[in-house]
Amino acid sequence: MAVKPRQDLVPNTREYEELPLVKATGFREYDARWLFGPEVNLLGMRCLGLALGTFLADRGIKPEIVVGHDYRSYSSSIKHALITGLLGSGCTVHDIGLAMTPMAYFAQFALDVPAVAMVTASHNDNGWTGVKMGMDRPVTFGPDEMTALKEIVMNGAWRERPGGELKLVQDLQQRYIEDLTNRPKLKRRLKVVAACGNGTAGAFAPEILERIGCEVIPLDCDLDYTFPNYNPNPEDLKMLHAIADKVRATGADIGLGFDGDGDRCGVIDDEGEEIFADKVGVMLARDLSTLNPGATFVVDVKSTGLFLTDPVLKQNGVKADYWKTGHSHIKRRNRDIKALAGFEKSGHYFFNAPVGRGYDDGLVSAIAICDMLDRNPDKSMADLKNALPRTWGSPTMSPHCPDEVKYDIVDKVVRHYQKLAANGERVAGQPIRELVTVNGVRVTLADGTWGLVRASSNKPELVVVCESPSSEEMMKAMFKNIDMHLSDYPEVGEYNQKIA
């Protein structure tokens, strides 16, 4: 009989070494994330592998799966524990070794394997681990799949089966590099700062960008799982500032920053100014819709309102579809409505054919940005940015909020703004024009200023973003209104970063 995972085990005890630990809170909306040690142990990861193999069998999926791991001190051990469980469930496991997450997605196509389980903590701080999973390429698990998998794990309801087989894939890294670079070189010689925060992308990004014709200036590309300079997260202002300093010092045409597992890309222009990823998405939408008039783009609710109001996008007949934040949500929506691309403010971009295969890949995004510059040889990145209508936007700000209560807090915030709207009350001196509640609440005021509050899908945090087409003062007034309301809840703690 299967031993159900426990949630109360403590490291450095006999029970911890003999029994599986899995905290139920690690099963999030579209992937799994735990603090390795306090929230999950290696035996718990073996249980996850057994449960995932059982889940695939229950869904009638061929029992073959791609598995890879990111560059953390503990990721290889966690991956092998996961593989042990998958083998015990009867799966054939294709181990691609050290990889970026998009390399695992690529392997599903290259090896013709239906399922994937990528061991990665993405951009989370050291100490975190997790698994991104899928069984219907190019999409990954969403809330329904994660809930079903959680039930199997926490109830010990997996089934062991014979026939498991391990296949080591030795050449996947090179096949991935060749897939991205087997194309004409750029006509324009771009000087590019490639920043990787000492994460996994450092092993691949400089070579790929050089092969397409860029002059590459590496920044923190040596692999170092202590992350000595900053966390590899292109939404983090410390990383963005480091890239900006390097761009200014070298006279680069652009700075590109990749997150810990290489599925996101952040951008600094040639003047050393950071461009939030949603604005880069507008620029890419302008470029791609010129080639593909009438295109549809999926956009997450954290993103700028320019996708609806930009005159060039309107002229090109673009249709914008605002959807739930989260790489799995946008990826699935992008596929289901056959959009040309999907954009998230976090820097996840999803390009369908002819640009990509539908999954998020920071290097595919970087190449698309370089191609956009190549098609505009007389314009700099700053020129393309400055051609957009002006808006004032905040960074993504995340106040701490425990996983157990964060969704309840967001529900209360939604009801608060619904009540204000129903009563005709003003926010930051303006009436509420619209509420979008597909994912938390996005409050839009009469002049187009908006603010968003939602629960983070992968950390014990809330997410707050604001933007105004009118002024920086209105953007800050919107944030002040949200921040004052959040201060009413004692469960909401300090922000990771906060505008003044």
Protein backbone atom coordinates (compact mmCIF):
# COMPACT_ATOMS: atom_id res chain seq x y z
CA MET A 1 0.00 0.00 0.00
CA ALA A 2 1.30 3.46 -0.89
CA VAL A 3 2.57 5.69 1.91
CA LYS A 4 0.76 9.01 1.77
CA PRO A 5 3.05 12.03 1.89
CA ARG A 6 3.21 13.89 5.16
CA GLN A 7 3.11 17.67 5.53
CA ASP A 8 4.59 17.94 9.02
CA LEU A 9 8.03 16.36 8.65
CA VAL A 10 11.12 18.26 9.81
CA PRO A 11 14.61 17.93 8.26
CA ASN A 12 17.32 16.13 10.23
CA THR A 13 14.94 13.59 11.73
CA ARG A 14 14.62 9.86 11.10
CA GLU A 15 11.07 10.25 9.77
CA TYR A 16 12.25 12.83 7.24
CA GLU A 17 14.73 10.30 5.82
CA GLU A 18 12.22 7.45 5.70
CA LEU A 19 8.94 9.12 4.69
CA PRO A 20 7.85 11.47 1.88
CA LEU A 21 7.27 15.16 2.61
CA VAL A 22 5.03 17.13 0.24
CA LYS A 23 3.30 20.37 1.24
CA ALA A 24 -0.04 20.62 -0.54
CA THR A 25 0.49 24.37 -1.09
CA GLY A 26 3.23 23.55 -3.61
CA PHE A 27 0.62 22.58 -6.22
CA ARG A 28 -0.07 25.92 -7.84
CA GLU A 29 -2.25 27.02 -10.74
CA TYR A 30 -0.01 25.77 -13.52
CA ASP A 31 3.13 24.24 -12.05
CA ALA A 32 4.58 23.02 -8.76
CA ARG A 33 6.88 25.11 -6.52
CA TRP A 34 8.31 24.21 -3.12
CA LEU A 35 11.11 25.24 -0.81
CA PHE A 36 13.37 22.20 -1.05
CA GLY A 37 13.85 20.79 2.43
CA PRO A 38 11.11 22.45 4.50
CA GLU A 39 8.28 21.77 2.02
CA VAL A 40 9.35 18.77 -0.06
CA ASN A 41 12.05 16.11 0.22
CA LEU A 42 13.49 13.65 -2.30
CA LEU A 43 11.04 10.92 -1.31
CA GLY A 44 8.26 13.44 -1.91
CA MET A 45 9.60 14.09 -5.41
CA ARG A 46 9.59 10.35 -6.05
CA CYS A 47 5.89 10.35 -5.10
CA LEU A 48 5.31 13.17 -7.58
CA GLY A 49 6.91 11.05 -10.32
CA LEU A 50 4.74 8.04 -9.45
CA ALA A 51 1.64 10.25 -9.43
CA LEU A 52 2.52 11.99 -12.70
CA GLY A 53 2.99 8.64 -14.46
CA THR A 54 -0.34 7.47 -13.04
CA PHE A 55 -2.02 10.69 -14.16
CA LEU A 56 -0.73 10.25 -17.72
CA ALA A 57 -2.05 6.67 -17.77
CA ASP A 58 -5.45 7.80 -16.47
CA ARG A 59 -5.65 10.34 -19.31
CA GLY A 60 -4.70 7.78 -21.97
CA ILE A 61 -1.37 9.46 -22.75
CA LYS A 62 1.44 7.33 -24.15
CA PRO A 63 3.76 6.67 -21.16
CA GLU A 64 6.76 8.60 -22.49
CA ILE A 65 8.09 11.80 -20.98
CA VAL A 66 10.94 14.29 -21.44
CA VAL A 67 12.74 15.29 -18.23
CA GLY A 68 15.42 17.95 -17.73
CA HIS A 69 16.82 20.11 -14.92
CA ASP A 70 18.03 23.68 -14.45
CA TYR A 71 21.32 24.83 -12.96
CA ARG A 72 20.81 24.73 -9.20
CA SER A 73 22.94 22.88 -6.67
CA TYR A 74 20.09 20.48 -5.92
CA SER A 75 18.17 20.24 -9.22
CA SER A 76 19.94 17.14 -10.53
CA SER A 77 19.17 15.20 -7.33
CA ILE A 78 15.55 16.28 -7.44
CA LYS A 79 15.27 15.28 -11.09
CA HIS A 80 16.64 11.80 -10.40
CA ALA A 81 14.17 11.32 -7.54
CA LEU A 82 11.38 12.37 -9.91
CA ILE A 83 12.70 9.96 -12.57
CA THR A 84 12.71 7.11 -10.05
CA GLY A 85 9.00 7.67 -9.51
CA LEU A 86 8.26 7.96 -13.23
CA LEU A 87 10.11 4.70 -13.91
CA GLY A 88 8.15 3.04 -11.12
CA SER A 89 4.92 4.11 -12.82
CA GLY A 90 5.99 2.40 -16.05
CA CYS A 91 7.10 5.44 -18.04
CA THR A 92 9.84 5.66 -20.61
CA VAL A 93 11.88 8.68 -19.50
CA HIS A 94 13.96 10.71 -21.96
CA ASP A 95 16.51 12.51 -19.77
CA ILE A 96 17.91 15.52 -21.65
CA GLY A 97 20.20 16.55 -18.77
CA LEU A 98 20.99 20.19 -17.98
CA ALA A 99 18.56 22.37 -19.92
CA MET A 100 16.55 25.53 -20.13
CA THR A 101 12.81 24.97 -19.84
CA PRO A 102 12.16 25.73 -23.55
CA MET A 103 14.71 23.08 -24.47
CA ALA A 104 12.50 20.53 -22.72
CA TYR A 105 9.49 21.82 -24.67
CA PHE A 106 11.53 21.62 -27.88
CA ALA A 107 12.46 18.02 -27.02
CA GLN A 108 8.79 17.05 -26.99
CA PHE A 109 8.70 17.93 -30.69
CA ALA A 110 12.20 16.82 -31.64
CA LEU A 111 11.87 13.41 -29.96
CA ASP A 112 8.11 13.07 -30.65
CA VAL A 113 7.34 12.56 -26.96
CA PRO A 114 3.92 13.62 -25.61
CA ALA A 115 4.75 14.64 -22.04
CA VAL A 116 7.30 16.82 -20.25
CA ALA A 117 8.47 17.39 -16.67
CA MET A 118 11.09 20.12 -16.30
CA VAL A 119 12.70 20.46 -12.86
CA THR A 120 13.19 24.19 -12.35
CA ALA A 121 12.66 26.93 -9.81
CA SER A 122 12.53 29.38 -12.73
CA HIS A 123 13.41 32.84 -11.37
CA ASN A 124 12.65 32.02 -7.73
CA ASP A 125 15.38 32.55 -5.15
CA ASN A 126 17.74 29.74 -4.27
CA GLY A 127 16.10 27.23 -1.99
CA TRP A 128 13.08 26.91 -4.26
CA THR A 129 12.47 24.04 -6.63
CA GLY A 130 9.57 23.03 -8.84
CA VAL A 131 8.34 21.17 -11.88
CA LYS A 132 6.73 22.50 -15.07
CA MET A 133 4.65 19.74 -16.67
CA GLY A 134 2.64 19.12 -19.82
CA MET A 135 1.08 16.32 -21.87
CA ASP A 136 -0.44 18.17 -24.83
CA ARG A 137 2.33 20.04 -26.62
CA PRO A 138 2.84 22.95 -26.75
CA VAL A 139 0.64 23.67 -23.69
CA THR A 140 1.44 22.93 -20.06
CA PHE A 141 -0.72 21.95 -17.11
CA GLY A 142 -3.39 24.36 -15.94
CA PRO A 143 -5.50 24.43 -12.76
CA ASP A 144 -7.58 21.33 -13.62
CA GLU A 145 -4.55 19.14 -14.27
CA MET A 146 -2.68 20.46 -11.24
CA THR A 147 -5.67 19.81 -8.98
CA ALA A 148 -6.04 16.24 -10.26
CA LEU A 149 -2.30 15.59 -9.84
CA LYS A 150 -2.39 17.03 -6.32
CA GLU A 151 -5.19 14.63 -5.35
CA ILE A 152 -3.18 11.62 -6.54
CA VAL A 153 -0.06 12.72 -4.68
CA MET A 154 -1.62 13.76 -1.39
CA ASN A 155 -3.86 10.68 -1.22
CA GLY A 156 -1.07 8.27 -2.18
CA ALA A 157 -3.29 7.10 -5.03
CA TRP A 158 -0.57 6.33 -7.56
CA ARG A 159 -0.10 2.92 -9.18
CA GLU A 160 3.21 1.20 -9.75
CA ARG A 161 3.60 -0.50 -13.14
CA PRO A 162 6.36 -2.51 -14.80
CA GLY A 163 8.17 -1.52 -17.99
CA GLY A 164 9.83 1.73 -17.01
CA GLU A 165 12.86 2.60 -19.13
CA LEU A 166 15.45 5.38 -18.94
CA LYS A 167 16.90 6.85 -22.14
CA LEU A 168 19.74 9.38 -21.91
CA VAL A 169 19.54 11.95 -24.70
CA GLN A 170 23.09 13.16 -25.33
CA ASP A 171 22.64 15.56 -28.27
CA LEU A 172 19.54 17.57 -27.37
CA GLN A 173 21.43 20.75 -26.50
CA GLN A 174 23.10 20.88 -29.91
CA ARG A 175 19.88 20.03 -31.74
CA TYR A 176 18.15 22.91 -29.97
CA ILE A 177 20.91 25.38 -30.84
CA GLU A 178 20.91 24.30 -34.49
CA ASP A 179 17.11 24.54 -34.67
CA LEU A 180 17.20 28.20 -33.62
CA THR A 181 20.22 29.21 -35.70
CA ASN A 182 19.57 27.35 -38.98
CA ARG A 183 18.33 30.54 -40.63
CA PRO A 184 19.70 33.54 -42.55
CA LYS A 185 21.98 35.77 -40.52
CA LEU A 186 20.88 39.27 -39.58
CA LYS A 187 21.73 41.89 -42.19
CA ARG A 188 22.29 44.42 -39.42
CA ARG A 189 25.27 43.85 -37.12
CA LEU A 190 23.70 44.32 -33.69
CA LYS A 191 25.81 44.77 -30.57
CA VAL A 192 23.88 42.88 -27.87
CA VAL A 193 24.43 42.62 -24.12
CA ALA A 194 23.30 39.11 -23.11
CA ALA A 195 22.66 38.95 -19.35
CA CYS A 196 21.85 35.63 -17.68
CA GLY A 197 22.26 36.26 -13.96
CA ASN A 198 24.60 33.23 -13.79
CA GLY A 199 21.58 31.02 -14.51
CA THR A 200 21.08 28.21 -16.99
CA ALA A 201 20.65 30.45 -20.05
CA GLY A 202 24.30 31.49 -19.73
CA ALA A 203 25.31 28.17 -21.28
CA PHE A 204 23.32 28.82 -24.45
CA ALA A 205 22.27 32.44 -25.06
CA PRO A 206 25.63 33.94 -26.10
CA GLU A 207 26.32 31.20 -28.65
CA ILE A 208 22.85 31.36 -30.17
CA LEU A 209 22.92 35.15 -30.53
CA GLU A 210 26.41 35.02 -32.05
CA ARG A 211 25.30 32.40 -34.58
CA ILE A 212 22.47 34.60 -35.88
CA GLY A 213 24.97 37.42 -36.48
CA CYS A 214 25.07 39.48 -33.28
CA GLU A 215 28.15 40.87 -31.62
CA VAL A 216 27.58 39.57 -28.09
CA ILE A 217 28.75 41.19 -24.87
CA PRO A 218 28.20 38.54 -22.15
CA LEU A 219 27.10 39.72 -18.71
CA ASP A 220 27.02 37.24 -15.82
CA CYS A 221 26.88 34.28 -18.19
CA ASP A 222 29.19 31.99 -16.21
CA LEU A 223 27.07 29.36 -14.50
CA ASP A 224 27.04 29.88 -10.74
CA TYR A 225 24.15 28.50 -8.73
CA THR A 226 24.86 30.86 -5.83
CA PHE A 227 23.65 33.74 -8.09
CA PRO A 228 26.37 36.06 -6.74
CA ASN A 229 25.25 39.23 -8.55
CA TYR A 230 21.44 39.23 -8.58
CA ASN A 231 18.58 36.82 -9.01
CA PRO A 232 18.12 35.88 -12.69
CA ASN A 233 14.76 37.58 -13.10
CA PRO A 234 14.27 40.15 -15.90
CA GLU A 235 11.47 41.81 -13.90
CA ASP A 236 13.88 42.50 -11.03
CA LEU A 237 15.11 46.10 -11.07
CA LYS A 238 18.58 45.08 -9.86
CA MET A 239 19.07 42.87 -12.91
CA LEU A 240 17.64 45.49 -15.25
CA HIS A 241 19.90 48.19 -13.82
CA ALA A 242 22.97 45.97 -14.25
CA ILE A 243 22.09 45.42 -17.91
CA ALA A 244 21.44 49.14 -18.40
CA ASP A 245 24.85 50.03 -16.96
CA LYS A 246 26.53 47.57 -19.35
CA VAL A 247 24.62 48.91 -22.37
CA ARG A 248 25.67 52.47 -21.60
CA ALA A 249 29.28 51.47 -20.96
CA THR A 250 29.63 49.51 -24.22
CA GLY A 251 27.39 51.48 -26.58
CA ALA A 252 25.33 48.37 -27.27
CA ASP A 253 22.26 48.45 -29.51
CA ILE A 254 20.21 46.48 -26.99
CA GLY A 255 20.41 44.58 -23.71
CA LEU A 256 18.65 41.24 -23.35
CA GLY A 257 18.16 39.59 -19.95
CA PHE A 258 17.14 35.95 -19.48
CA ASP A 259 15.59 34.40 -16.39
CA GLY A 260 16.82 31.37 -14.48
CA ASP A 261 15.33 28.75 -16.79
CA GLY A 262 15.51 30.72 -20.03
CA ASP A 263 11.83 31.00 -20.94
CA ARG A 264 11.63 34.80 -20.45
CA CYS A 265 13.45 37.76 -21.93
CA GLY A 266 13.78 41.31 -20.60
CA VAL A 267 14.88 44.31 -22.70
CA ILE A 268 17.03 47.42 -22.23
CA ASP A 269 17.17 49.90 -25.12
CA ASP A 270 20.28 51.54 -26.59
CA GLU A 271 19.90 54.52 -24.26
CA GLY A 272 20.12 52.25 -21.22
CA GLU A 273 16.42 52.52 -20.43
CA GLU A 274 14.43 49.46 -19.42
CA ILE A 275 11.35 48.66 -21.48
CA PHE A 276 8.72 46.71 -19.60
CA ALA A 277 7.92 43.48 -21.40
CA ASP A 278 4.34 44.44 -22.21
CA LYS A 279 5.59 47.51 -24.12
CA VAL A 280 8.06 45.29 -25.99
CA GLY A 281 5.03 43.13 -26.80
CA VAL A 282 3.29 46.15 -28.37
CA MET A 283 6.40 46.83 -30.45
CA LEU A 284 6.53 43.20 -31.60
CA ALA A 285 2.80 43.26 -32.33
CA ARG A 286 3.31 46.36 -34.49
CA ASP A 287 6.12 44.61 -36.38
CA LEU A 288 4.36 41.26 -36.82
CA SER A 289 0.96 42.73 -37.69
CA THR A 290 2.57 44.77 -40.47
CA LEU A 291 3.56 41.42 -41.99
CA ASN A 292 0.29 39.74 -40.92
CA PRO A 293 -2.59 42.28 -41.00
CA GLY A 294 -5.62 41.38 -38.91
CA ALA A 295 -3.58 39.24 -36.51
CA THR A 296 -4.86 38.36 -33.04
CA PHE A 297 -2.64 38.68 -29.97
CA VAL A 298 -3.37 37.28 -26.51
CA VAL A 299 -2.30 39.57 -23.66
CA ASP A 300 -2.32 39.01 -19.90
CA VAL A 301 -4.28 41.28 -17.58
CA LYS A 302 -1.08 42.79 -16.13
CA SER A 303 -0.22 44.29 -19.53
CA THR A 304 -0.53 47.80 -20.93
CA GLY A 305 -3.79 49.07 -22.37
CA LEU A 306 -1.97 50.06 -25.58
CA PHE A 307 -2.87 46.73 -27.18
CA LEU A 308 -6.41 48.16 -27.46
CA THR A 309 -5.61 51.80 -28.19
CA ASP A 310 -2.35 51.97 -30.17
CA PRO A 311 -3.08 53.63 -33.55
CA VAL A 312 -0.67 51.40 -35.51
CA LEU A 313 -2.27 48.23 -34.13
CA LYS A 314 -5.69 49.64 -34.96
CA GLN A 315 -4.55 50.48 -38.49
CA ASN A 316 -3.23 46.93 -38.91
CA GLY A 317 -6.56 45.47 -37.78
CA VAL A 318 -5.13 43.84 -34.67
CA LYS A 319 -7.47 42.05 -32.27
CA ALA A 320 -6.32 42.03 -28.63
CA ASP A 321 -7.56 39.33 -26.26
CA TYR A 322 -6.87 40.04 -22.55
CA TRP A 323 -6.59 36.82 -20.57
CA LYS A 324 -5.47 35.29 -17.28
CA THR A 325 -1.87 35.85 -16.22
CA GLY A 326 0.30 32.74 -16.20
CA HIS A 327 2.41 30.98 -18.80
CA SER A 328 0.02 28.01 -19.03
CA HIS A 329 -3.08 30.20 -19.29
CA ILE A 330 -1.69 32.42 -22.06
CA LYS A 331 -0.06 29.50 -23.90
CA ARG A 332 -3.32 27.55 -23.98
CA ARG A 333 -5.41 30.56 -24.96
CA ASN A 334 -2.90 31.44 -27.67
CA ARG A 335 -3.28 27.96 -29.16
CA ASP A 336 -7.03 27.69 -28.74
CA ILE A 337 -7.91 30.94 -30.54
CA LYS A 338 -5.07 30.52 -33.08
CA ALA A 339 -3.45 33.86 -32.22
CA LEU A 340 -0.21 34.87 -33.89
CA ALA A 341 1.44 35.45 -30.51
CA GLY A 342 0.75 35.87 -26.82
CA PHE A 343 2.48 38.34 -24.50
CA GLU A 344 2.85 38.47 -20.72
CA LYS A 345 4.14 41.46 -18.77
CA SER A 346 6.51 39.07 -17.00
CA GLY A 347 8.39 38.51 -20.28
CA HIS A 348 6.88 35.18 -21.33
CA TYR A 349 6.16 35.43 -25.09
CA PHE A 350 4.42 32.71 -27.09
CA PHE A 351 4.87 32.74 -30.85
CA ASN A 352 2.87 30.46 -33.10
CA ALA A 353 4.01 29.62 -36.65
CA PRO A 354 5.84 30.97 -38.53
CA VAL A 355 7.87 32.43 -35.64
CA GLY A 356 7.68 29.61 -33.08
CA ARG A 357 5.92 26.45 -31.96
CA GLY A 358 3.60 28.05 -29.41
CA TYR A 359 5.63 27.66 -26.22
CA ASP A 360 7.54 30.30 -24.30
CA ASP A 361 11.24 30.54 -25.14
CA GLY A 362 13.39 33.52 -24.13
CA LEU A 363 15.80 32.88 -27.01
CA VAL A 364 13.01 32.75 -29.61
CA SER A 365 11.78 36.05 -28.13
CA ALA A 366 15.29 37.53 -28.34
CA ILE A 367 15.60 36.48 -31.98
CA ALA A 368 12.18 38.01 -32.78
CA ILE A 369 13.34 41.29 -31.23
CA CYS A 370 16.57 41.20 -33.25
CA ASP A 371 14.55 40.49 -36.41
CA MET A 372 12.34 43.50 -35.63
CA LEU A 373 15.44 45.71 -35.43
CA ASP A 374 16.76 44.10 -38.62
CA ARG A 375 13.54 45.06 -40.44
CA ASN A 376 13.96 48.64 -39.19
CA PRO A 377 17.61 49.36 -40.07
CA ASP A 378 17.29 53.12 -39.67
CA LYS A 379 15.70 52.92 -36.19
CA SER A 380 17.16 52.16 -32.78
CA MET A 381 15.35 50.27 -30.03
CA ALA A 382 14.78 53.62 -28.31
CA ASP A 383 13.26 55.00 -31.55
CA LEU A 384 10.81 52.08 -31.72
CA LYS A 385 9.94 52.53 -28.04
CA ASN A 386 9.50 56.29 -28.33
CA ALA A 387 7.16 55.82 -31.29
CA LEU A 388 4.61 54.26 -28.92
CA PRO A 389 2.00 56.49 -27.28
CA ARG A 390 3.27 57.58 -23.87
CA THR A 391 2.06 55.80 -20.76
CA TRP A 392 3.41 55.68 -17.22
CA GLY A 393 3.62 52.19 -15.78
CA SER A 394 4.78 50.66 -12.52
CA PRO A 395 7.02 47.65 -12.19
CA THR A 396 5.39 44.43 -11.01
CA MET A 397 5.17 44.78 -7.22
CA SER A 398 4.56 41.84 -4.91
CA PRO A 399 3.55 42.22 -1.26
CA HIS A 400 3.97 39.04 0.80
CA CYS A 401 0.76 37.12 1.49
CA PRO A 402 0.62 33.49 2.69
CA ASP A 403 -0.48 30.88 0.13
CA GLU A 404 -3.26 29.73 2.46
CA VAL A 405 -5.03 33.12 2.44
CA LYS A 406 -3.92 35.00 -0.70
CA TYR A 407 -6.90 33.98 -2.84
CA ASP A 408 -9.36 34.93 -0.09
CA ILE A 409 -7.69 38.34 0.21
CA VAL A 410 -7.98 38.88 -3.55
CA ASP A 411 -11.66 37.91 -3.44
CA LYS A 412 -12.19 40.59 -0.78
CA VAL A 413 -10.35 43.16 -2.90
CA VAL A 414 -12.55 42.27 -5.89
CA ARG A 415 -15.70 42.74 -3.82
CA HIS A 416 -14.37 46.05 -2.48
CA TYR A 417 -13.95 47.55 -5.96
CA GLN A 418 -17.20 46.02 -7.20
CA LYS A 419 -18.98 47.81 -4.34
CA LEU A 420 -17.26 51.10 -5.17
CA ALA A 421 -18.27 50.76 -8.82
CA ALA A 422 -21.88 49.85 -7.96
CA ASN A 423 -22.16 52.89 -5.70
CA GLY A 424 -20.62 55.24 -8.24
CA GLU A 425 -17.75 56.13 -5.92
CA ARG A 426 -14.49 57.57 -7.19
CA VAL A 427 -11.02 56.07 -7.11
CA ALA A 428 -8.03 58.44 -7.25
CA GLY A 429 -10.52 61.20 -8.02
CA GLN A 430 -12.14 59.45 -10.99
CA PRO A 431 -15.15 57.23 -11.62
CA ILE A 432 -14.54 53.57 -12.39
CA ARG A 433 -15.03 52.84 -16.10
CA GLU A 434 -14.54 49.08 -16.11
CA LEU A 435 -13.69 46.11 -13.90
CA VAL A 436 -12.05 43.01 -15.41
CA THR A 437 -12.23 40.07 -12.99
CA VAL A 438 -10.95 37.20 -15.14
CA ASN A 439 -7.85 37.04 -12.89
CA GLY A 440 -8.07 39.11 -9.72
CA VAL A 441 -9.39 42.59 -10.47
CA ARG A 442 -8.19 45.16 -13.02
CA VAL A 443 -9.77 48.53 -12.17
CA THR A 444 -9.89 50.96 -15.11
CA LEU A 445 -10.76 54.61 -14.46
CA ALA A 446 -12.38 57.15 -16.76
CA ASP A 447 -9.11 58.40 -18.31
CA GLY A 448 -7.77 54.87 -18.92
CA THR A 449 -5.63 54.70 -15.79
CA TRP A 450 -5.78 51.18 -14.37
CA GLY A 451 -4.54 49.10 -11.45
CA LEU A 452 -4.44 45.34 -11.00
CA VAL A 453 -4.46 43.14 -7.91
CA ARG A 454 -4.16 39.37 -8.26
CA ALA A 455 -2.69 36.42 -6.40
CA SER A 456 0.74 35.20 -7.50
CA SER A 457 0.47 31.74 -8.99
CA ASN A 458 3.88 30.52 -7.83
CA LYS A 459 4.84 32.36 -4.64
CA PRO A 460 3.19 33.42 -1.36
CA GLU A 461 2.54 36.91 -2.69
CA LEU A 462 0.01 39.22 -4.26
CA VAL A 463 0.77 41.02 -7.53
CA VAL A 464 0.11 44.73 -8.03
CA VAL A 465 0.59 46.64 -11.31
CA CYS A 466 -0.58 50.14 -12.32
CA GLU A 467 -0.49 52.22 -15.50
CA SER A 468 -1.78 55.59 -16.66
CA PRO A 469 -1.96 57.15 -20.14
CA SER A 470 -2.37 60.56 -18.46
CA SER A 471 0.54 61.10 -16.07
CA GLU A 472 2.94 59.55 -13.62
CA GLU A 473 0.96 61.24 -10.87
CA MET A 474 -2.22 59.41 -11.84
CA MET A 475 -0.38 56.09 -11.98
CA LYS A 476 0.95 56.73 -8.47
CA ALA A 477 -2.48 57.84 -7.26
CA MET A 478 -3.93 54.55 -8.53
CA PHE A 479 -1.25 52.61 -6.68
CA LYS A 480 -1.78 54.64 -3.50
CA ASN A 481 -5.48 53.76 -3.56
CA ILE A 482 -4.73 50.04 -3.94
CA ASP A 483 -1.93 50.11 -1.36
CA MET A 484 -4.11 51.86 1.21
CA HIS A 485 -6.81 49.23 0.78
CA LEU A 486 -4.34 46.34 1.02
CA SER A 487 -3.03 47.84 4.28
CA ASP A 488 -6.43 46.99 5.81
CA TYR A 489 -5.50 43.30 5.71
CA PRO A 490 -2.96 42.22 8.36
CA GLU A 491 -2.11 39.15 6.24
CA VAL A 492 -0.57 41.40 3.56
CA GLY A 493 3.08 42.10 4.31
CA GLU A 494 6.09 43.90 2.85
CA TYR A 495 6.58 44.43 -0.90
CA ASN A 496 9.53 42.99 -2.80
CA GLN A 497 9.80 46.40 -4.48
CA LYS A 498 7.59 49.47 -4.32
CA ILE A 499 7.24 52.80 -6.09
CA ALA A 500 7.41 55.93 -3.96
